[in-house]
Amino acid sequence: MLSTFRGLAGMNVIISPYALETTQVPVRVHTQSLSMSDAYHKRIQKKWNKRWGFVRKPCMYQTAEGFIMHPALADDLERLTERRVEKQMQRSMSDWIH
């Protein structure tokens, strides 16, 4: 499910759960014991990488329409913008109250 909102200086933010980045960190790591050869360990690690893959983490992409962002990052962005607005409101209120 995709949803959009205005954020980041008026640019569109499209929220998509598919905005993920594949890292170079394997999901499972094969541990090498003393009895294993280095070639055997590398071959098994390659098979495990093929079977279980690599860690995928949330990310954000910029396109012509705006930003495509993972929901976890969108929540953080909304929280940060709310804090910024609250701080600005407190500053403006302190200017009026002496």
Protein backbone atom coordinates (compact mmCIF):
# COMPACT_ATOMS: atom_id res chain seq x y z
CA MET A 1 0.00 0.00 0.00
CA LEU A 2 1.33 3.39 -0.99
CA SER A 3 0.48 6.65 0.73
CA THR A 4 1.75 10.17 0.22
CA PHE A 5 2.14 13.32 2.28
CA ARG A 6 3.80 16.69 1.90
CA GLY A 7 7.09 16.97 3.70
CA LEU A 8 10.70 17.99 3.23
CA ALA A 9 10.21 21.56 2.02
CA GLY A 10 6.96 20.88 0.19
CA MET A 11 8.13 17.86 -1.82
CA ASN A 12 5.93 14.78 -2.07
CA VAL A 13 6.86 11.82 0.11
CA ILE A 14 5.62 8.46 -1.14
CA ILE A 15 5.57 5.79 1.56
CA SER A 16 6.32 2.30 0.26
CA PRO A 17 7.28 -0.85 2.18
CA TYR A 18 9.41 -1.86 -0.82
CA ALA A 19 11.94 0.95 -0.30
CA LEU A 20 14.69 -1.35 0.96
CA GLU A 21 18.43 -1.41 0.43
CA THR A 22 20.39 -4.67 0.26
CA THR A 23 23.55 -4.55 2.35
CA GLN A 24 26.65 -6.71 2.05
CA VAL A 25 25.96 -8.31 5.46
CA PRO A 26 24.72 -11.93 5.16
CA VAL A 27 21.63 -12.97 7.13
CA ARG A 28 23.45 -16.07 8.41
CA VAL A 29 27.21 -16.36 8.79
CA HIS A 30 28.95 -19.72 8.52
CA THR A 31 31.57 -20.18 11.22
CA GLN A 32 34.77 -21.88 10.26
CA SER A 33 36.11 -24.54 12.61
CA LEU A 34 39.72 -25.69 12.69
CA SER A 35 38.96 -28.92 10.81
CA MET A 36 37.47 -27.06 7.79
CA SER A 37 39.51 -25.89 4.87
CA ASP A 38 39.18 -22.28 3.76
CA ALA A 39 37.75 -23.34 0.38
CA TYR A 40 35.03 -25.43 2.09
CA HIS A 41 34.07 -22.54 4.38
CA LYS A 42 33.82 -20.08 1.46
CA ARG A 43 31.75 -22.56 -0.60
CA ILE A 44 29.27 -23.13 2.24
CA GLN A 45 29.04 -19.38 2.95
CA LYS A 46 28.24 -18.79 -0.73
CA LYS A 47 25.46 -21.40 -0.59
CA TRP A 48 24.03 -19.84 2.59
CA ASN A 49 24.08 -16.39 0.94
CA LYS A 50 22.13 -17.81 -1.98
CA ARG A 51 19.60 -19.52 0.29
CA TRP A 52 19.03 -16.86 2.97
CA GLY A 53 20.29 -13.75 1.22
CA PHE A 54 21.58 -10.52 2.70
CA VAL A 55 20.21 -8.08 5.28
CA ARG A 56 17.78 -5.55 3.81
CA LYS A 57 17.38 -2.25 5.62
CA PRO A 58 14.91 0.64 5.14
CA CYS A 59 16.04 3.47 2.89
CA MET A 60 14.85 6.49 0.89
CA TYR A 61 15.13 7.27 -2.83
CA GLN A 62 14.75 10.62 -4.56
CA THR A 63 12.79 10.71 -7.83
CA ALA A 64 11.31 13.44 -10.03
CA GLU A 65 7.96 13.11 -8.21
CA GLY A 66 9.53 13.45 -4.76
CA PHE A 67 10.92 10.96 -2.26
CA ILE A 68 10.08 7.26 -1.97
CA MET A 69 10.51 6.32 1.66
CA HIS A 70 10.12 3.21 3.85
CA PRO A 71 7.38 3.52 6.55
CA ALA A 72 9.95 3.26 9.38
CA LEU A 73 11.85 6.25 8.03
CA ALA A 74 8.62 8.15 7.36
CA ASP A 75 7.62 7.76 11.02
CA ASP A 76 11.00 9.15 12.08
CA LEU A 77 10.63 12.06 9.65
CA GLU A 78 7.15 12.92 10.95
CA ARG A 79 8.38 12.74 14.55
CA LEU A 80 11.30 15.07 13.77
CA THR A 81 9.11 17.60 11.95
CA GLU A 82 6.59 17.57 14.83
CA ARG A 83 9.39 18.31 17.31
CA ARG A 84 10.67 21.13 15.12
CA VAL A 85 7.19 22.68 14.88
CA GLU A 86 6.71 22.40 18.66
CA LYS A 87 10.04 24.13 19.30
CA GLN A 88 9.15 26.93 16.89
CA MET A 89 5.77 27.33 18.60
CA GLN A 90 7.44 27.56 22.01
CA ARG A 91 9.88 30.19 20.72
CA SER A 92 7.12 32.25 19.18
CA MET A 93 5.04 31.99 22.37
CA SER A 94 8.00 33.10 24.49
CA ASP A 95 8.30 36.22 22.28
CA TRP A 96 4.70 37.16 23.10
CA ILE A 97 4.86 36.39 26.82
CA HIS A 98 7.17 38.61 28.87
